[in-house]
C-alpha atoms as a PDB file:
ATOM      1  CA  MET A   1      19.819   2.055  38.866  1.00  0.00           C
ATOM      2  CA  SER A   2      16.748  -0.114  38.302  1.00  0.00           C
ATOM      3  CA  GLN A   3      17.385  -1.942  41.585  1.00  0.00           C
ATOM      4  CA  PHE A   4      17.635   1.411  43.345  1.00  0.00           C
ATOM      5  CA  ILE A   5      14.350   2.557  41.805  1.00  0.00           C
ATOM      6  CA  ARG A   6      12.633  -0.673  42.740  1.00  0.00           C
ATOM      7  CA  GLY A   7      13.949  -0.348  46.281  1.00  0.00           C
ATOM      8  CA  PHE A   8      12.814   3.258  46.427  1.00  0.00           C
ATOM      9  CA  PHE A   9       9.270   2.331  45.404  1.00  0.00           C
ATOM     10  CA  VAL A  10       9.198  -0.527  47.900  1.00  0.00           C
ATOM     11  CA  LEU A  11      10.195   1.966  50.585  1.00  0.00           C
ATOM     12  CA  LEU A  12       7.472   4.351  49.465  1.00  0.00           C
ATOM     13  CA  LEU A  13       4.849   1.598  49.554  1.00  0.00           C
ATOM     14  CA  THR A  14       6.007   0.475  52.974  1.00  0.00           C
ATOM     15  CA  CYS A  15       5.826   4.011  54.340  1.00  0.00           C
ATOM     16  CA  ALA A  16       2.422   4.553  52.753  1.00  0.00           C
ATOM     17  CA  SER A  17       1.137   1.325  54.283  1.00  0.00           C
ATOM     18  CA  ALA A  18       2.469   2.249  57.711  1.00  0.00           C
ATOM     19  CA  SER A  19       1.048   5.748  57.365  1.00  0.00           C
ATOM     20  CA  ALA A  20      -2.372   4.362  56.425  1.00  0.00           C
ATOM     21  CA  PHE A  21      -2.382   2.074  59.442  1.00  0.00           C
ATOM     22  CA  ALA A  22      -1.312   4.917  61.713  1.00  0.00           C
ATOM     23  CA  ALA A  23      -3.847   7.392  60.286  1.00  0.00           C
ATOM     24  CA  THR A  24      -5.580   9.603  62.805  1.00  0.00           C
ATOM     25  CA  ASN A  25      -9.051  11.119  62.624  1.00  0.00           C
ATOM     26  CA  ASP A  26      -9.261  13.769  65.327  1.00  0.00           C
ATOM     27  CA  ALA A  27     -11.985  15.859  63.708  1.00  0.00           C
ATOM     28  CA  GLY A  28     -14.465  14.651  66.328  1.00  0.00           C
ATOM     29  CA  ALA A  29     -12.378  16.496  68.901  1.00  0.00           C
ATOM     30  CA  LYS A  30     -11.456  19.565  66.835  1.00  0.00           C
ATOM     31  CA  VAL A  31     -14.618  20.378  64.868  1.00  0.00           C
ATOM     32  CA  ALA A  32     -17.395  22.081  66.842  1.00  0.00           C
ATOM     33  CA  TRP A  33     -20.571  19.988  66.875  1.00  0.00           C
ATOM     34  CA  SER A  34     -23.545  19.811  69.198  1.00  0.00           C
ATOM     35  CA  TYR A  35     -27.074  18.493  69.633  1.00  0.00           C
ATOM     36  CA  LYS A  36     -28.968  21.582  68.520  1.00  0.00           C
ATOM     37  CA  GLY A  37     -28.962  24.393  65.995  1.00  0.00           C
ATOM     38  CA  SER A  38     -26.669  24.647  62.991  1.00  0.00           C
ATOM     39  CA  THR A  39     -24.149  22.186  64.484  1.00  0.00           C
ATOM     40  CA  GLY A  40     -26.801  19.651  65.536  1.00  0.00           C
ATOM     41  CA  PRO A  41     -27.147  16.020  64.359  1.00  0.00           C
ATOM     42  CA  GLU A  42     -28.957  16.828  61.118  1.00  0.00           C
ATOM     43  CA  PHE A  43     -25.960  18.939  60.056  1.00  0.00           C
ATOM     44  CA  TRP A  44     -23.091  16.727  61.308  1.00  0.00           C
ATOM     45  CA  GLY A  45     -22.420  15.297  57.866  1.00  0.00           C
ATOM     46  CA  ARG A  46     -21.749  18.797  56.488  1.00  0.00           C
ATOM     47  CA  LEU A  47     -19.447  20.054  59.238  1.00  0.00           C
ATOM     48  CA  SER A  48     -16.338  18.181  58.068  1.00  0.00           C
ATOM     49  CA  PRO A  49     -15.330  15.772  55.292  1.00  0.00           C
ATOM     50  CA  ASP A  50     -14.430  13.382  58.120  1.00  0.00           C
ATOM     51  CA  PHE A  51     -18.098  13.370  59.198  1.00  0.00           C
ATOM     52  CA  LEU A  52     -19.476  12.258  55.842  1.00  0.00           C
ATOM     53  CA  LEU A  53     -20.915   9.011  57.234  1.00  0.00           C
ATOM     54  CA  CYS A  54     -23.068  11.006  59.661  1.00  0.00           C
ATOM     55  CA  GLY A  55     -25.143  12.062  56.689  1.00  0.00           C
ATOM     56  CA  LYS A  56     -24.636   9.295  54.148  1.00  0.00           C
ATOM     57  CA  GLY A  57     -23.872   6.162  56.145  1.00  0.00           C
ATOM     58  CA  LYS A  58     -26.118   3.122  55.749  1.00  0.00           C
ATOM     59  CA  SER A  59     -25.394   1.380  59.072  1.00  0.00           C
ATOM     60  CA  GLN A  60     -25.811   4.206  61.542  1.00  0.00           C
ATOM     61  CA  SER A  61     -26.651   4.177  65.246  1.00  0.00           C
ATOM     62  CA  PRO A  62     -28.769   4.503  67.305  1.00  0.00           C
ATOM     63  CA  ILE A  63     -31.767   2.505  66.091  1.00  0.00           C
ATOM     64  CA  ASN A  64     -35.268   1.563  67.101  1.00  0.00           C
ATOM     65  CA  ILE A  65     -35.148  -2.107  68.112  1.00  0.00           C
ATOM     66  CA  THR A  66     -38.252  -4.078  67.266  1.00  0.00           C
ATOM     67  CA  LYS A  67     -38.796  -7.486  68.805  1.00  0.00           C
ATOM     68  CA  ASN A  68     -38.854 -10.277  66.278  1.00  0.00           C
ATOM     69  CA  ASP A  69     -38.488 -14.039  66.029  1.00  0.00           C
ATOM     70  CA  LEU A  70     -34.903 -13.996  64.781  1.00  0.00           C
ATOM     71  CA  GLU A  71     -33.118 -15.628  67.701  1.00  0.00           C
ATOM     72  CA  LYS A  72     -29.396 -16.293  67.916  1.00  0.00           C
ATOM     73  CA  ALA A  73     -27.429 -18.507  70.292  1.00  0.00           C
ATOM     74  CA  ASN A  74     -25.832 -16.614  73.165  1.00  0.00           C
ATOM     75  CA  SER A  75     -22.169 -15.780  72.596  1.00  0.00           C
ATOM     76  CA  LEU A  76     -21.710 -13.027  75.179  1.00  0.00           C
ATOM     77  CA  SER A  77     -19.787 -13.374  78.437  1.00  0.00           C
ATOM     78  CA  LEU A  78     -19.101 -10.484  80.791  1.00  0.00           C
ATOM     79  CA  HIS A  79     -15.789 -10.498  82.664  1.00  0.00           C
ATOM     80  CA  TYR A  80     -16.068  -7.498  84.944  1.00  0.00           C
ATOM     81  CA  GLN A  81     -14.661  -6.854  88.395  1.00  0.00           C
ATOM     82  CA  SER A  82     -14.071  -3.909  90.705  1.00  0.00           C
ATOM     83  CA  ALA A  83     -11.645  -1.309  89.367  1.00  0.00           C
ATOM     84  CA  PRO A  84     -10.407   2.129  90.468  1.00  0.00           C
ATOM     85  CA  LEU A  85     -12.894   4.916  89.799  1.00  0.00           C
ATOM     86  CA  PHE A  86     -11.732   7.434  87.185  1.00  0.00           C
ATOM     87  CA  LEU A  87     -14.273  10.115  86.262  1.00  0.00           C
ATOM     88  CA  MET A  88     -14.213  12.657  83.448  1.00  0.00           C
ATOM     89  CA  GLU A  89     -16.748  15.118  82.075  1.00  0.00           C
ATOM     90  CA  ASP A  90     -16.677  16.167  78.428  1.00  0.00           C
ATOM     91  CA  GLY A  91     -13.502  14.141  77.891  1.00  0.00           C
ATOM     92  CA  LEU A  92     -11.942  12.521  74.847  1.00  0.00           C
ATOM     93  CA  THR A  93     -11.465   8.852  74.050  1.00  0.00           C
ATOM     94  CA  THR A  94      -9.088   7.337  71.504  1.00  0.00           C
ATOM     95  CA  LEU A  95     -10.248   4.149  69.787  1.00  0.00           C
ATOM     96  CA  THR A  96      -8.718   2.127  66.972  1.00  0.00           C
ATOM     97  CA  LEU A  97     -11.496   1.786  64.392  1.00  0.00           C
ATOM     98  CA  GLY A  98     -10.309  -0.344  61.517  1.00  0.00           C
ATOM     99  CA  SER A  99      -6.855   1.035  60.732  1.00  0.00           C
ATOM    100  CA  THR A 100      -7.537   4.526  62.058  1.00  0.00           C
ATOM    101  CA  GLN A 101      -6.861   6.019  65.454  1.00  0.00           C
ATOM    102  CA  THR A 102     -10.092   7.923  66.063  1.00  0.00           C
ATOM    103  CA  ILE A 103     -10.430  10.545  68.767  1.00  0.00           C
ATOM    104  CA  ILE A 104     -14.037  10.968  69.850  1.00  0.00           C
ATOM    105  CA  ASN A 105     -16.049  13.042  72.262  1.00  0.00           C
ATOM    106  CA  ASP A 106     -18.997  10.853  73.234  1.00  0.00           C
ATOM    107  CA  GLY A 107     -21.664  13.504  73.135  1.00  0.00           C
ATOM    108  CA  HIS A 108     -20.396  15.981  75.709  1.00  0.00           C
ATOM    109  CA  THR A 109     -21.048  13.530  78.478  1.00  0.00           C
ATOM    110  CA  LEU A 110     -19.922  12.132  81.802  1.00  0.00           C
ATOM    111  CA  GLN A 111     -17.704   9.084  81.468  1.00  0.00           C
ATOM    112  CA  VAL A 112     -15.969   6.503  83.637  1.00  0.00           C
ATOM    113  CA  ASN A 113     -12.563   5.411  82.311  1.00  0.00           C
ATOM    114  CA  PHE A 114     -10.775   2.078  82.660  1.00  0.00           C
ATOM    115  CA  HIS A 115      -7.024   1.764  82.191  1.00  0.00           C
ATOM    116  CA  GLY A 116      -6.369  -1.957  82.584  1.00  0.00           C
ATOM    117  CA  ASP A 117      -7.195  -5.084  80.619  1.00  0.00           C
ATOM    118  CA  GLU A 118      -8.999  -6.853  83.453  1.00  0.00           C
ATOM    119  CA  GLU A 119     -12.442  -5.520  82.521  1.00  0.00           C
ATOM    120  CA  SER A 120     -13.529  -7.286  79.354  1.00  0.00           C
ATOM    121  CA  ILE A 121     -16.221  -9.162  77.488  1.00  0.00           C
ATOM    122  CA  SER A 122     -16.136 -12.131  75.144  1.00  0.00           C
ATOM    123  CA  TYR A 123     -18.434 -12.012  72.151  1.00  0.00           C
ATOM    124  CA  ALA A 124     -18.566 -14.382  69.187  1.00  0.00           C
ATOM    125  CA  GLY A 125     -15.138 -15.755  70.072  1.00  0.00           C
ATOM    126  CA  ASN A 126     -13.487 -12.338  70.342  1.00  0.00           C
ATOM    127  CA  THR A 127     -12.239 -10.476  73.425  1.00  0.00           C
ATOM    128  CA  TYR A 128     -12.960  -6.795  73.918  1.00  0.00           C
ATOM    129  CA  HIS A 129     -11.492  -4.710  76.745  1.00  0.00           C
ATOM    130  CA  LEU A 130     -13.595  -2.051  78.426  1.00  0.00           C
ATOM    131  CA  VAL A 131     -12.259   1.433  77.686  1.00  0.00           C
ATOM    132  CA  GLN A 132     -14.985   3.561  79.237  1.00  0.00           C
ATOM    133  CA  PHE A 133     -18.681   3.935  79.796  1.00  0.00           C
ATOM    134  CA  HIS A 134     -20.726   7.109  79.433  1.00  0.00           C
ATOM    135  CA  PHE A 135     -24.278   8.426  79.588  1.00  0.00           C
ATOM    136  CA  HIS A 136     -26.918   9.699  77.175  1.00  0.00           C
ATOM    137  CA  SER A 137     -30.206  11.244  78.260  1.00  0.00           C
ATOM    138  CA  PRO A 138     -32.737  10.378  77.047  1.00  0.00           C
ATOM    139  CA  SER A 139     -31.680   7.003  75.666  1.00  0.00           C
ATOM    140  CA  GLU A 140     -30.399   6.889  72.109  1.00  0.00           C
ATOM    141  CA  ASN A 141     -31.525   3.369  71.259  1.00  0.00           C
ATOM    142  CA  GLU A 142     -35.240   2.683  71.527  1.00  0.00           C
ATOM    143  CA  ILE A 143     -37.103  -0.589  72.026  1.00  0.00           C
ATOM    144  CA  ASN A 144     -40.406  -0.831  70.166  1.00  0.00           C
ATOM    145  CA  GLY A 145     -40.409   2.911  69.679  1.00  0.00           C
ATOM    146  CA  GLU A 146     -39.945   3.682  73.359  1.00  0.00           C
ATOM    147  CA  ALA A 147     -36.974   5.610  74.715  1.00  0.00           C
ATOM    148  CA  ALA A 148     -35.784   5.423  78.314  1.00  0.00           C
ATOM    149  CA  PRO A 149     -34.794   8.479  80.387  1.00  0.00           C
ATOM    150  CA  LEU A 150     -31.135   7.397  80.394  1.00  0.00           C
ATOM    151  CA  GLU A 151     -28.789   5.030  78.548  1.00  0.00           C
ATOM    152  CA  ILE A 152     -25.306   3.850  79.471  1.00  0.00           C
ATOM    153  CA  HIS A 153     -22.872   2.929  76.686  1.00  0.00           C
ATOM    154  CA  PHE A 154     -20.042   0.547  77.574  1.00  0.00           C
ATOM    155  CA  VAL A 155     -17.318   1.007  74.942  1.00  0.00           C
ATOM    156  CA  HIS A 156     -14.954  -1.932  74.373  1.00  0.00           C
ATOM    157  CA  GLN A 157     -11.857  -2.168  72.185  1.00  0.00           C
ATOM    158  CA  GLY A 158     -11.020  -5.444  70.464  1.00  0.00           C
ATOM    159  CA  ALA A 159      -8.137  -6.587  68.305  1.00  0.00           C
ATOM    160  CA  ASN A 160      -7.525  -5.404  64.735  1.00  0.00           C
ATOM    161  CA  GLY A 161      -9.582  -2.252  65.080  1.00  0.00           C
ATOM    162  CA  SER A 162     -12.799  -3.900  66.254  1.00  0.00           C
ATOM    163  CA  VAL A 163     -15.102  -2.185  68.741  1.00  0.00           C
ATOM    164  CA  ALA A 164     -18.117  -3.490  70.666  1.00  0.00           C
ATOM    165  CA  VAL A 165     -20.581  -1.245  72.500  1.00  0.00           C
ATOM    166  CA  ILE A 166     -23.123  -2.480  75.042  1.00  0.00           C
ATOM    167  CA  GLY A 167     -26.154  -0.318  75.740  1.00  0.00           C
ATOM    168  CA  VAL A 168     -28.073  -0.507  79.024  1.00  0.00           C
ATOM    169  CA  LEU A 169     -31.300   1.477  79.299  1.00  0.00           C
ATOM    170  CA  VAL A 170     -32.241   3.067  82.629  1.00  0.00           C
ATOM    171  CA  LYS A 171     -35.835   3.728  83.704  1.00  0.00           C
ATOM    172  CA  GLY A 172     -37.271   5.537  86.705  1.00  0.00           C
ATOM    173  CA  GLY A 173     -37.767   3.407  89.793  1.00  0.00           C
ATOM    174  CA  GLU A 174     -35.761   2.243  92.765  1.00  0.00           C
ATOM    175  CA  SER A 175     -32.532   3.949  93.767  1.00  0.00           C
ATOM    176  CA  ASN A 176     -29.340   2.817  92.040  1.00  0.00           C
ATOM    177  CA  PRO A 177     -26.413   2.579  94.519  1.00  0.00           C
ATOM    178  CA  ALA A 178     -23.796   2.196  91.756  1.00  0.00           C
ATOM    179  CA  LEU A 179     -25.033   5.311  90.011  1.00  0.00           C
ATOM    180  CA  GLN A 180     -25.126   7.180  93.313  1.00  0.00           C
ATOM    181  CA  ALA A 181     -21.423   6.452  93.832  1.00  0.00           C
ATOM    182  CA  ILE A 182     -20.745   8.375  90.611  1.00  0.00           C
ATOM    183  CA  ILE A 183     -23.124  11.184  91.559  1.00  0.00           C
ATOM    184  CA  ASN A 184     -21.288  11.578  94.861  1.00  0.00           C
ATOM    185  CA  HIS A 185     -18.070  12.387  92.984  1.00  0.00           C
ATOM    186  CA  LEU A 186     -19.146  14.404  89.948  1.00  0.00           C
ATOM    187  CA  PRO A 187     -16.132  16.135  88.336  1.00  0.00           C
ATOM    188  CA  ALA A 188     -15.639  19.806  89.101  1.00  0.00           C
ATOM    189  CA  ALA A 189     -14.275  20.748  85.663  1.00  0.00           C
ATOM    190  CA  ASP A 190     -14.565  19.569  82.055  1.00  0.00           C
ATOM    191  CA  GLY A 191     -11.871  17.721  80.158  1.00  0.00           C
ATOM    192  CA  LYS A 192      -9.882  16.518  83.161  1.00  0.00           C
ATOM    193  CA  GLU A 193      -9.793  12.992  84.538  1.00  0.00           C
ATOM    194  CA  TYR A 194     -10.239  12.617  88.289  1.00  0.00           C
ATOM    195  CA  ALA A 195      -9.006   9.575  90.195  1.00  0.00           C
ATOM    196  CA  ILE A 196     -11.420   9.110  93.092  1.00  0.00           C
ATOM    197  CA  LYS A 197      -9.397   7.918  96.073  1.00  0.00           C
ATOM    198  CA  ASN A 198     -10.551   4.863  97.986  1.00  0.00           C
ATOM    199  CA  GLU A 199     -13.426   4.283  95.554  1.00  0.00           C
ATOM    200  CA  THR A 200     -13.865   1.379  93.171  1.00  0.00           C
ATOM    201  CA  ILE A 201     -16.508   0.587  90.614  1.00  0.00           C
ATOM    202  CA  ASN A 202     -17.720  -2.681  89.091  1.00  0.00           C
ATOM    203  CA  PRO A 203     -19.411  -2.341  85.683  1.00  0.00           C
ATOM    204  CA  ILE A 204     -21.567  -5.405  86.344  1.00  0.00           C
ATOM    205  CA  ASP A 205     -23.461  -3.348  88.938  1.00  0.00           C
ATOM    206  CA  PHE A 206     -24.920  -1.328  86.053  1.00  0.00           C
ATOM    207  CA  PHE A 207     -26.343  -4.388  84.281  1.00  0.00           C
ATOM    208  CA  PRO A 208     -29.750  -6.014  84.726  1.00  0.00           C
ATOM    209  CA  LEU A 209     -29.811  -9.472  86.265  1.00  0.00           C
ATOM    210  CA  ASP A 210     -31.318 -10.755  83.016  1.00  0.00           C
ATOM    211  CA  HIS A 211     -28.608 -10.671  80.347  1.00  0.00           C
ATOM    212  CA  ASP A 212     -30.829 -11.240  77.300  1.00  0.00           C
ATOM    213  CA  TYR A 213     -29.735  -8.867  74.559  1.00  0.00           C
ATOM    214  CA  TYR A 214     -30.253  -7.616  71.030  1.00  0.00           C
ATOM    215  CA  SER A 215     -27.342  -7.483  68.605  1.00  0.00           C
ATOM    216  CA  PHE A 216     -26.793  -5.577  65.375  1.00  0.00           C
ATOM    217  CA  MET A 217     -24.080  -3.769  63.444  1.00  0.00           C
ATOM    218  CA  GLY A 218     -23.938  -0.007  63.763  1.00  0.00           C
ATOM    219  CA  SER A 219     -21.784   3.055  64.219  1.00  0.00           C
ATOM    220  CA  LEU A 220     -20.538   5.634  66.656  1.00  0.00           C
ATOM    221  CA  THR A 221     -23.510   7.787  67.667  1.00  0.00           C
ATOM    222  CA  THR A 222     -21.313  10.894  67.591  1.00  0.00           C
ATOM    223  CA  PRO A 223     -19.045  12.339  64.890  1.00  0.00           C
ATOM    224  CA  PRO A 224     -17.298  10.949  62.906  1.00  0.00           C
ATOM    225  CA  CYS A 225     -20.117   8.307  62.986  1.00  0.00           C
ATOM    226  CA  THR A 226     -17.694   5.530  61.974  1.00  0.00           C
ATOM    227  CA  GLU A 227     -19.490   2.306  61.003  1.00  0.00           C
ATOM    228  CA  GLY A 228     -18.606  -1.338  61.605  1.00  0.00           C
ATOM    229  CA  LEU A 229     -19.173  -1.375  65.374  1.00  0.00           C
ATOM    230  CA  GLN A 230     -20.758  -4.379  67.040  1.00  0.00           C
ATOM    231  CA  TRP A 231     -23.738  -3.234  69.111  1.00  0.00           C
ATOM    232  CA  LEU A 232     -25.346  -5.194  71.929  1.00  0.00           C
ATOM    233  CA  VAL A 233     -28.322  -3.708  73.772  1.00  0.00           C
ATOM    234  CA  MET A 234     -29.662  -5.321  76.919  1.00  0.00           C
ATOM    235  CA  ALA A 235     -33.324  -6.309  76.554  1.00  0.00           C
ATOM    236  CA  SER A 236     -34.066  -5.581  80.224  1.00  0.00           C
ATOM    237  CA  THR A 237     -33.592  -2.244  81.925  1.00  0.00           C
ATOM    238  CA  ILE A 238     -32.143  -1.128  85.237  1.00  0.00           C
ATOM    239  CA  THR A 239     -33.658   1.535  87.480  1.00  0.00           C
ATOM    240  CA  ALA A 240     -32.634   4.798  89.093  1.00  0.00           C
ATOM    241  CA  THR A 241     -34.701   7.366  90.928  1.00  0.00           C
ATOM    242  CA  PRO A 242     -36.016  10.339  88.958  1.00  0.00           C
ATOM    243  CA  ALA A 243     -33.721  12.532  91.080  1.00  0.00           C
ATOM    244  CA  GLN A 244     -30.660  10.446  90.162  1.00  0.00           C
ATOM    245  CA  ILE A 245     -31.546  10.567  86.473  1.00  0.00           C
ATOM    246  CA  ALA A 246     -32.115  14.325  86.662  1.00  0.00           C
ATOM    247  CA  THR A 247     -28.728  14.805  88.355  1.00  0.00           C
ATOM    248  CA  ILE A 248     -26.906  12.880  85.625  1.00  0.00           C
ATOM    249  CA  ARG A 249     -28.827  14.740  82.923  1.00  0.00           C
ATOM    250  CA  HIS A 250     -27.857  18.066  84.481  1.00  0.00           C
ATOM    251  CA  ALA A 251     -24.208  16.963  84.755  1.00  0.00           C
ATOM    252  CA  ILE A 252     -24.045  16.089  81.052  1.00  0.00           C
ATOM    253  CA  ASN A 253     -25.875  19.254  79.978  1.00  0.00           C
ATOM    254  CA  GLY A 254     -28.499  17.008  78.399  1.00  0.00           C
ATOM    255  CA  PRO A 255     -30.240  16.195  76.226  1.00  0.00           C
ATOM    256  CA  ASN A 256     -27.353  14.598  74.344  1.00  0.00           C
ATOM    257  CA  THR A 257     -29.155  12.192  72.050  1.00  0.00           C
ATOM    258  CA  ARG A 258     -28.995  11.510  68.338  1.00  0.00           C
ATOM    259  CA  ALA A 259     -32.265  10.488  66.675  1.00  0.00           C
ATOM    260  CA  VAL A 260     -32.769   6.858  65.673  1.00  0.00           C
ATOM    261  CA  GLN A 261     -31.413   6.012  62.223  1.00  0.00           C
ATOM    262  CA  PRO A 262     -32.838   3.888  59.375  1.00  0.00           C
ATOM    263  CA  LEU A 263     -32.078   0.166  59.522  1.00  0.00           C
ATOM    264  CA  ASN A 264     -31.476  -0.089  55.772  1.00  0.00           C
ATOM    265  CA  GLY A 265     -31.989  -3.842  55.827  1.00  0.00           C
ATOM    266  CA  ARG A 266     -29.810  -4.611  58.845  1.00  0.00           C
ATOM    267  CA  LEU A 267     -30.697  -7.650  60.921  1.00  0.00           C
ATOM    268  CA  ILE A 268     -31.426  -7.411  64.640  1.00  0.00           C
ATOM    269  CA  THR A 269     -31.005 -10.680  66.527  1.00  0.00           C
ATOM    270  CA  TYR A 270     -32.145 -11.637  70.029  1.00  0.00           C
ATOM    271  CA  SER A 271     -30.134 -13.866  72.348  1.00  0.00           C
ATOM    272  CA  MET A 272     -30.920 -15.421  75.705  1.00  0.00           C
ATOM    273  CA  GLY A 273     -28.117 -14.540  78.097  1.00  0.00           C
ATOM    274  CA  ASN A 274     -26.551 -16.543  80.893  1.00  0.00           C
ATOM    275  CA  ASN A 275     -29.110 -15.562  83.490  1.00  0.00           C
ATOM    276  CA  GLY A 276     -28.690 -18.263  86.041  1.00  0.00           C
END
């Protein structure tokens, strides 16, 4: 009997462990939240127990990045190439964050999805595969207290529940051909992915030539505001015409921006990229 009981408890522990690893947080998709009014960012932490970090987290994103002398050796390599163009507006993304499958809606936005493992980055010895990129207007992260009209977030999934997000700020200026290719094929309906025939997209076309970047630890900028994400924000900006920025902002029903969050002692480092 004792062996049976021991075996039964081992089975229970095994099931509990598997259940914990397979846990799902889909509140970000099911609970109504927004960027204004009683469901706006200042109330996110009260909308669901799963959103507690939105109100009480200590490593939240976005942040105001201030230039400092704390430099770090470059450990970022971008491995991007042309891929089929998949567009979605107001769509959902599933990421493994720690041991939890987390379903997020990245701020009621326009996103470009990637379904293969070819698009990736290497950072600090780890590989992260590009899952999608999406837009926020105005920018969520600021540099020296200054926001840009638009920010692109490149969301990457790594092993063991790690996630890395690269932010690229977009300012008004010359026309952006890569952005125009997206504008030319804006989705007709929310929540559905569209495969754009005979069109490809290369994420590197949305990056500045100068790959210097800031790095810090942060969180999702939308509910459930999960922490522990590696953030990298390009120090240089790219440009788009005011008309292109306005078109994207209209498509995402902007503004869709969370206010900058306290640093709470976090370090921001600056690295010189491979710019040659």
